[in-house]
Amino acid sequence: MKIELPVERFAGIRTPFYYYDTNILRQTLDAINTETQKHDNYFVHYAVKANANLKVLHIIREAGLGIDCVSGGEIEQVLKAGFSASKIVFAGVGKSDWEIELGLDKDIFCFNVESIPELEVINEIAARKGKVATICFRINPDVGAHTHAHITTGLAENKFGIAMEDMEKVIHLAQDMKNVQFKGLHFHIGSQILEMDDFIALAHRINELQDRLEAQGIQLEIINVGGGLGIDYEDPQANPIPNFKDYFAVYAEHLKVRPRQTVHFELGRAVVAQCGALITKVNYVKQASVKQFAIVDAGFTDLIRPALYGAHHRIVNLNSQASEEKYDVVGPICESSDTFDKDILLPKTHRGDLLAILSAGAYGEIMASCYNCRPLPQGYTSEELD
């Protein structure tokens, strides 16, 4: 199985645009459900920050997943897509008052709280509304992840979460408040993690913290381990489905779950990345003194990951089967960082060829901007183009 790229169906569509193979998406969701259904206390919340396209969200909702939001706008989008508020967890280090009010008004499942000031504000707003907010505390476990520095979130130096040494203090504060109900702990150590040892280390840290709390008579109902499972950017066509079997097995084997506890996961990239591709047209092929450039009509306004992180995406030419030549694939933005990849081999490329930038279903369309007054790329599913 691999993502289908029906170039004949792309005729007449203005480039650049996002294309989502719904067969890949559904098979990914089936793989998740196959593994989680082995455990009646496992719940997956899709991290909507990865992709908030309504057509994609409808398919994820149909598969029965919950939702992880990090903004009020995301809450509004997933409610528009038909998700139940009772399946929404709301994370984020800087929630605004109106976002907290929205979560309370909609009776969302849980707020993941990241600081004492945030706890105090949620309690104050809930009291004003006559509500009781269900909360978990995001604890910074000081567990490193083998990933890019910009997407590591579980170290003591990161802005996220509450320090382990403050854990008991904030729990006792919450227990003394009338308008919050403390339910458990939340963790997230980073994104695009492929080494299962990182998740094993997190499970062991959670076990230590639970033991510490239980020694003081504090019982937890919810353990939220976050997400972070990565995908294969190097060969997405050979590996379109992430390694969910080993991922969930790590927690089944290493996390000591107490009776009546529920375990929650927040997967984003692993759900949607491989089903999406950015389709772009070659405007010019330019031979410079030391480089050959394929200049396309997509820019970092449409897919910022390569410029922001130095991220790699496999690029394929959908029109040419000729012998390969070396290219830098670049966009039209007036910035030197507007480069999708350098010195890559592609079949001999011509003006008008369509290129597909793969593994772009996560942090692609959702991060697009209008810099240079460029229009936002549209997103189409394979079902729409059938």
Protein backbone atom coordinates (compact mmCIF):
# COMPACT_ATOMS: atom_id res chain seq x y z
CA MET A 1 0.00 0.00 0.00
CA LYS A 2 1.22 3.48 -0.88
CA ILE A 3 -0.27 6.90 -1.38
CA GLU A 4 -1.96 7.14 -4.77
CA LEU A 5 -1.08 10.23 -6.79
CA PRO A 6 -3.52 10.25 -9.75
CA VAL A 7 -1.86 12.94 -11.84
CA GLU A 8 -4.56 12.67 -14.50
CA ARG A 9 -7.13 13.87 -11.94
CA PHE A 10 -5.05 16.91 -11.04
CA ALA A 11 -5.59 18.59 -14.40
CA GLY A 12 -7.31 21.92 -14.09
CA ILE A 13 -6.66 22.32 -10.34
CA ARG A 14 -4.78 25.47 -9.44
CA THR A 15 -1.41 24.69 -7.90
CA PRO A 16 -0.10 24.50 -5.28
CA PHE A 17 -2.68 22.42 -3.45
CA TYR A 18 -2.85 19.71 -0.81
CA TYR A 19 -4.00 16.24 -1.77
CA TYR A 20 -5.18 13.74 0.87
CA ASP A 21 -5.42 10.03 0.10
CA THR A 22 -8.37 8.98 2.27
CA ASN A 23 -7.56 5.28 1.83
CA ILE A 24 -4.23 5.82 3.57
CA LEU A 25 -5.91 7.88 6.29
CA ARG A 26 -8.57 5.24 6.94
CA GLN A 27 -6.04 2.41 7.03
CA THR A 28 -3.96 4.43 9.49
CA LEU A 29 -6.98 4.91 11.72
CA ASP A 30 -7.83 1.20 11.44
CA ALA A 31 -4.28 0.36 12.57
CA ILE A 32 -4.65 2.63 15.60
CA ASN A 33 -8.00 1.12 16.55
CA THR A 34 -6.70 -2.42 16.09
CA GLU A 35 -4.00 -1.80 18.69
CA THR A 36 -5.99 0.27 21.18
CA GLN A 37 -8.93 -2.11 21.17
CA LYS A 38 -6.64 -4.63 22.86
CA HIS A 39 -6.89 -2.39 25.95
CA ASP A 40 -10.30 -1.23 27.14
CA ASN A 41 -8.76 1.67 29.07
CA TYR A 42 -6.79 3.23 26.17
CA PHE A 43 -8.17 6.39 24.54
CA VAL A 44 -6.63 8.27 21.60
CA HIS A 45 -7.19 12.00 21.11
CA TYR A 46 -6.15 13.26 17.67
CA ALA A 47 -3.88 16.32 18.02
CA VAL A 48 -5.71 18.69 15.69
CA LYS A 49 -2.76 21.08 15.48
CA ALA A 50 -1.31 18.67 12.89
CA ASN A 51 -4.15 19.17 10.41
CA ALA A 52 -7.55 20.84 10.85
CA ASN A 53 -8.94 20.30 7.35
CA LEU A 54 -12.66 19.65 7.88
CA LYS A 55 -12.81 16.78 5.39
CA VAL A 56 -9.91 15.08 7.17
CA LEU A 57 -11.51 15.73 10.57
CA HIS A 58 -14.78 14.11 9.50
CA ILE A 59 -12.96 10.86 8.72
CA ILE A 60 -11.09 10.93 12.03
CA ARG A 61 -14.35 11.55 13.90
CA GLU A 62 -15.98 8.59 12.12
CA ALA A 63 -13.13 6.39 13.38
CA GLY A 64 -14.09 7.23 16.97
CA LEU A 65 -11.05 9.20 18.07
CA GLY A 66 -11.22 12.04 20.57
CA ILE A 67 -9.50 15.38 20.14
CA ASP A 68 -6.51 17.24 21.62
CA CYS A 69 -6.79 21.01 21.16
CA VAL A 70 -4.29 23.77 21.93
CA SER A 71 -6.44 26.81 21.14
CA GLY A 72 -9.98 28.06 21.26
CA GLY A 73 -10.03 28.19 17.49
CA GLU A 74 -9.24 24.48 17.37
CA ILE A 75 -12.10 23.78 19.79
CA GLU A 76 -14.46 25.68 17.49
CA GLN A 77 -13.17 23.83 14.42
CA VAL A 78 -13.58 20.34 15.86
CA LEU A 79 -17.05 21.12 17.18
CA LYS A 80 -17.89 22.29 13.66
CA ALA A 81 -16.59 18.91 12.43
CA GLY A 82 -19.02 17.14 14.75
CA PHE A 83 -16.76 15.97 17.56
CA SER A 84 -18.32 15.70 21.00
CA ALA A 85 -17.01 18.21 23.52
CA SER A 86 -16.85 15.32 25.98
CA LYS A 87 -13.89 13.94 23.98
CA ILE A 88 -11.85 17.17 23.94
CA VAL A 89 -8.72 17.70 26.00
CA PHE A 90 -7.41 21.28 25.99
CA ALA A 91 -3.67 21.74 26.35
CA GLY A 92 -1.38 24.73 25.88
CA VAL A 93 0.95 26.82 27.98
CA GLY A 94 -0.80 30.15 27.35
CA LYS A 95 -4.59 29.72 27.33
CA SER A 96 -6.46 33.04 27.07
CA ASP A 97 -9.50 33.79 29.21
CA TRP A 98 -11.92 33.53 26.29
CA GLU A 99 -10.50 30.11 25.40
CA ILE A 100 -10.96 28.86 28.98
CA GLU A 101 -14.50 30.26 28.97
CA LEU A 102 -15.22 28.44 25.71
CA GLY A 103 -13.97 25.15 27.12
CA LEU A 104 -16.10 25.59 30.24
CA ASP A 105 -19.19 26.62 28.27
CA LYS A 106 -18.88 23.55 26.05
CA ASP A 107 -18.18 21.19 28.99
CA ILE A 108 -15.01 19.73 27.48
CA PHE A 109 -13.53 16.56 28.94
CA CYS A 110 -10.39 18.02 30.51
CA PHE A 111 -8.04 20.98 30.75
CA ASN A 112 -4.34 20.07 30.80
CA VAL A 113 -2.97 22.73 33.15
CA GLU A 114 0.64 23.91 32.87
CA SER A 115 1.19 26.39 35.72
CA ILE A 116 -0.12 27.64 39.06
CA PRO A 117 -1.26 30.97 37.53
CA GLU A 118 -3.26 29.06 34.91
CA LEU A 119 -4.82 26.89 37.63
CA GLU A 120 -5.88 29.99 39.55
CA VAL A 121 -7.40 31.61 36.47
CA ILE A 122 -9.36 28.46 35.51
CA ASN A 123 -10.70 28.18 39.06
CA GLU A 124 -11.68 31.87 39.08
CA ILE A 125 -13.45 31.73 35.71
CA ALA A 126 -15.18 28.45 36.56
CA ALA A 127 -16.43 29.95 39.85
CA ARG A 128 -17.84 32.93 37.99
CA LYS A 129 -19.70 30.61 35.64
CA GLY A 130 -20.87 28.21 38.33
CA LYS A 131 -18.83 25.39 36.74
CA VAL A 132 -16.32 22.81 37.93
CA ALA A 133 -13.43 22.26 35.51
CA THR A 134 -11.89 18.81 35.21
CA ILE A 135 -8.11 19.19 35.12
CA CYS A 136 -4.91 17.23 34.72
CA PHE A 137 -1.52 18.75 35.43
CA ARG A 138 1.07 18.65 32.68
CA ILE A 139 4.28 17.59 34.38
CA ASN A 140 7.63 18.23 32.76
CA PRO A 141 9.31 14.82 33.24
CA ASP A 142 12.81 15.99 32.21
CA VAL A 143 12.97 13.15 29.70
CA GLY A 144 14.88 13.86 26.51
CA ALA A 145 13.70 12.73 23.09
CA HIS A 146 15.81 11.85 20.07
CA THR A 147 14.32 14.47 17.79
CA HIS A 148 14.86 18.04 16.54
CA ALA A 149 15.59 20.57 19.29
CA HIS A 150 12.65 22.75 18.19
CA ILE A 151 10.14 19.93 18.83
CA THR A 152 11.55 18.57 22.08
CA THR A 153 9.15 19.49 24.89
CA GLY A 154 9.96 17.34 27.92
CA LEU A 155 13.22 18.78 29.20
CA ALA A 156 13.55 20.99 32.26
CA GLU A 157 14.69 23.88 30.04
CA ASN A 158 11.49 23.80 27.93
CA LYS A 159 8.59 26.18 28.56
CA PHE A 160 6.04 23.39 28.91
CA GLY A 161 4.59 21.86 32.03
CA ILE A 162 5.15 21.97 35.78
CA ALA A 163 8.46 20.90 37.32
CA MET A 164 8.43 17.52 39.04
CA GLU A 165 9.52 19.05 42.32
CA ASP A 166 6.38 21.22 42.31
CA MET A 167 3.98 18.37 41.55
CA GLU A 168 2.63 17.77 45.05
CA LYS A 169 2.32 21.51 45.72
CA VAL A 170 0.07 22.16 42.72
CA ILE A 171 -2.03 19.06 43.38
CA HIS A 172 -2.70 20.19 46.96
CA LEU A 173 -3.58 23.66 45.69
CA ALA A 174 -6.10 22.16 43.27
CA GLN A 175 -7.60 19.91 45.93
CA ASP A 176 -8.30 22.98 48.06
CA MET A 177 -10.13 24.77 45.23
CA LYS A 178 -13.90 24.47 44.82
CA ASN A 179 -14.19 24.93 41.08
CA VAL A 180 -11.57 22.53 39.72
CA GLN A 181 -11.50 18.77 40.02
CA PHE A 182 -8.04 17.21 39.80
CA LYS A 183 -8.08 13.91 37.90
CA GLY A 184 -4.55 13.04 36.81
CA LEU A 185 -1.28 13.86 35.08
CA HIS A 186 -0.38 14.77 31.52
CA PHE A 187 2.99 14.41 29.77
CA HIS A 188 4.47 15.08 26.33
CA ILE A 189 8.17 14.77 25.56
CA GLY A 190 8.33 15.83 21.92
CA SER A 191 7.43 15.01 18.34
CA GLN A 192 8.75 12.88 15.47
CA ILE A 193 10.16 10.28 17.89
CA LEU A 194 11.17 6.97 16.32
CA GLU A 195 13.16 5.40 19.15
CA MET A 196 10.89 3.42 21.44
CA ASP A 197 13.43 3.80 24.26
CA ASP A 198 12.26 7.41 24.63
CA PHE A 199 8.72 6.26 25.38
CA ILE A 200 10.03 3.53 27.69
CA ALA A 201 11.92 6.20 29.66
CA LEU A 202 8.73 8.25 29.93
CA ALA A 203 6.75 5.24 31.17
CA HIS A 204 9.34 4.57 33.87
CA ARG A 205 9.29 8.22 34.96
CA ILE A 206 5.50 8.14 35.21
CA ASN A 207 5.74 4.99 37.34
CA GLU A 208 8.13 6.79 39.71
CA LEU A 209 5.83 9.78 40.02
CA GLN A 210 2.77 7.63 40.62
CA ASP A 211 4.56 5.71 43.36
CA ARG A 212 5.54 9.02 44.94
CA LEU A 213 1.97 10.28 44.93
CA GLU A 214 0.46 7.05 46.18
CA ALA A 215 2.81 7.13 49.16
CA GLN A 216 0.98 10.35 50.08
CA GLY A 217 -2.46 8.91 49.45
CA ILE A 218 -3.00 10.63 46.08
CA GLN A 219 -4.75 8.42 43.52
CA LEU A 220 -4.88 9.27 39.81
CA GLU A 221 -7.77 8.49 37.48
CA ILE A 222 -6.11 9.71 34.27
CA ILE A 223 -2.64 9.20 32.85
CA ASN A 224 -2.10 11.12 29.61
CA VAL A 225 1.22 10.20 27.96
CA GLY A 226 0.87 12.68 25.09
CA GLY A 227 1.94 11.64 21.62
CA GLY A 228 5.15 12.06 19.67
CA LEU A 229 5.28 8.94 17.49
CA GLY A 230 7.14 9.74 14.28
CA ILE A 231 6.79 8.67 10.66
CA ASP A 232 9.12 7.60 7.86
CA TYR A 233 9.96 10.73 5.88
CA GLU A 234 12.75 8.96 3.98
CA ASP A 235 10.63 6.27 2.29
CA PRO A 236 6.96 7.08 2.91
CA GLN A 237 5.68 4.92 0.08
CA ALA A 238 7.28 1.82 1.60
CA ASN A 239 6.16 2.70 5.15
CA PRO A 240 2.90 4.66 5.02
CA ILE A 241 1.61 3.34 8.36
CA PRO A 242 3.60 4.24 11.51
CA ASN A 243 4.68 1.61 14.00
CA PHE A 244 1.59 1.70 16.20
CA LYS A 245 2.04 -1.89 17.33
CA ASP A 246 5.35 -1.24 19.07
CA TYR A 247 4.26 2.20 20.28
CA PHE A 248 1.23 1.00 22.20
CA ALA A 249 3.07 -2.16 23.30
CA VAL A 250 5.67 0.01 25.06
CA TYR A 251 3.03 1.41 27.39
CA ALA A 252 1.27 -1.93 27.81
CA GLU A 253 4.55 -3.47 28.95
CA HIS A 254 6.24 -0.64 30.86
CA LEU A 255 3.52 1.64 32.26
CA LYS A 256 2.11 0.40 35.56
CA VAL A 257 -1.56 1.21 35.16
CA ARG A 258 -3.64 1.12 38.31
CA PRO A 259 -7.16 -0.35 38.51
CA ARG A 260 -9.84 1.92 37.03
CA GLN A 261 -7.20 4.22 35.49
CA THR A 262 -7.57 5.37 31.90
CA VAL A 263 -4.57 5.98 29.65
CA HIS A 264 -4.84 8.75 27.06
CA PHE A 265 -2.72 9.38 23.96
CA GLU A 266 -2.44 12.48 21.79
CA LEU A 267 -1.27 11.41 18.33
CA GLY A 268 -1.15 13.98 15.54
CA ARG A 269 1.58 13.58 12.93
CA ALA A 270 1.33 9.79 13.03
CA VAL A 271 -2.36 9.98 12.11
CA VAL A 272 -2.31 12.32 9.12
CA ALA A 273 1.21 12.95 7.81
CA GLN A 274 1.49 10.14 5.29
CA CYS A 275 -1.92 10.61 3.70
CA GLY A 276 -1.06 14.12 2.49
CA ALA A 277 1.05 15.52 -0.34
CA LEU A 278 1.67 19.06 -1.53
CA ILE A 279 1.24 19.18 -5.31
CA THR A 280 3.20 21.94 -7.01
CA LYS A 281 4.00 22.89 -10.60
CA VAL A 282 7.46 23.58 -12.01
CA ASN A 283 7.52 27.16 -13.30
CA TYR A 284 11.11 27.18 -14.51
CA VAL A 285 14.20 25.01 -14.70
CA LYS A 286 17.22 27.25 -14.21
CA GLN A 287 20.80 26.21 -14.85
CA ALA A 288 23.15 28.32 -12.71
CA SER A 289 26.92 28.16 -12.60
CA VAL A 290 27.08 25.40 -9.95
CA LYS A 291 23.43 24.42 -9.44
CA GLN A 292 20.37 23.36 -11.38
CA PHE A 293 17.15 24.69 -9.88
CA ALA A 294 13.61 23.40 -10.28
CA ILE A 295 11.64 26.55 -9.41
CA VAL A 296 8.13 25.60 -8.34
CA ASP A 297 5.01 27.60 -7.57
CA ALA A 298 4.82 26.41 -3.96
CA GLY A 299 6.81 28.24 -1.33
CA PHE A 300 7.45 28.04 2.38
CA THR A 301 4.13 29.84 2.75
CA ASP A 302 2.55 26.52 1.74
CA LEU A 303 4.90 24.11 3.56
CA ILE A 304 7.18 25.78 6.10
CA ARG A 305 8.78 22.70 7.69
CA PRO A 306 11.92 22.60 5.48
CA ALA A 307 12.61 26.31 6.10
CA LEU A 308 11.70 26.21 9.79
CA TYR A 309 13.30 22.92 10.86
CA GLY A 310 15.47 21.90 7.94
CA ALA A 311 12.95 19.08 7.57
CA HIS A 312 13.24 16.55 4.77
CA HIS A 313 10.32 15.53 2.55
CA ARG A 314 10.58 13.04 -0.32
CA ILE A 315 9.83 14.78 -3.63
CA VAL A 316 8.66 12.94 -6.76
CA ASN A 317 8.04 14.09 -10.33
CA LEU A 318 4.60 12.93 -11.45
CA ASN A 319 5.14 13.58 -15.16
CA SER A 320 8.66 12.53 -16.08
CA GLN A 321 10.17 9.03 -16.35
CA ALA A 322 13.44 10.25 -17.91
CA SER A 323 16.91 9.63 -16.54
CA GLU A 324 17.69 11.40 -13.29
CA GLU A 325 19.46 14.70 -12.82
CA LYS A 326 20.37 16.68 -9.72
CA TYR A 327 18.23 19.64 -8.62
CA ASP A 328 17.62 22.10 -5.84
CA VAL A 329 13.82 22.37 -5.55
CA VAL A 330 13.02 25.96 -4.59
CA GLY A 331 10.02 28.24 -4.36
CA PRO A 332 9.25 31.81 -5.48
CA ILE A 333 9.44 33.54 -2.07
CA CYS A 334 12.05 36.28 -1.80
CA GLU A 335 13.97 34.46 0.95
CA SER A 336 16.98 32.18 0.54
CA SER A 337 15.38 29.74 3.00
CA ASP A 338 12.53 29.12 0.51
CA THR A 339 14.04 25.77 -0.45
CA PHE A 340 12.32 22.39 -0.23
CA ASP A 341 15.44 20.26 -0.78
CA LYS A 342 18.94 20.48 -2.21
CA ASP A 343 20.95 18.26 -4.55
CA ILE A 344 18.22 15.68 -4.97
CA LEU A 345 17.84 13.33 -7.90
CA LEU A 346 14.70 13.68 -9.99
CA PRO A 347 13.80 12.46 -13.47
CA LYS A 348 14.74 15.18 -15.97
CA THR A 349 12.31 17.92 -15.08
CA HIS A 350 10.61 20.43 -17.35
CA ARG A 351 8.43 23.52 -17.06
CA GLY A 352 4.88 22.42 -16.31
CA ASP A 353 5.77 19.15 -14.58
CA LEU A 354 3.89 18.41 -11.37
CA LEU A 355 5.94 17.53 -8.31
CA ALA A 356 4.52 15.87 -5.21
CA ILE A 357 6.10 16.72 -1.86
CA LEU A 358 5.20 13.71 0.27
CA SER A 359 4.47 13.19 3.99
CA ALA A 360 2.91 16.65 4.10
CA GLY A 361 -0.40 15.81 5.76
CA ALA A 362 0.86 17.04 9.12
CA TYR A 363 2.06 20.61 9.77
CA GLY A 364 1.56 21.48 6.10
CA GLU A 365 -1.75 23.07 5.19
CA ILE A 366 -2.38 23.99 8.83
CA MET A 367 0.79 26.14 9.02
CA ALA A 368 0.33 27.88 5.67
CA SER A 369 0.51 31.68 5.59
CA CYS A 370 -0.25 34.56 3.25
CA TYR A 371 3.27 36.06 3.28
CA ASN A 372 3.95 37.92 0.01
CA CYS A 373 0.12 38.20 -0.24
CA ARG A 374 0.01 34.65 -1.55
CA PRO A 375 -3.34 32.80 -1.41
CA LEU A 376 -3.64 29.87 0.95
CA PRO A 377 -3.39 26.46 -0.73
CA GLN A 378 -6.63 24.50 -1.05
CA GLY A 379 -6.99 20.95 0.22
CA TYR A 380 -8.66 18.14 -1.75
CA THR A 381 -9.32 14.52 -0.80
CA SER A 382 -9.06 11.54 -3.12
CA GLU A 383 -12.82 11.04 -2.73
CA GLU A 384 -13.50 14.50 -4.12
CA LEU A 385 -11.42 13.80 -7.22
CA ASP A 386 -12.85 10.33 -7.95
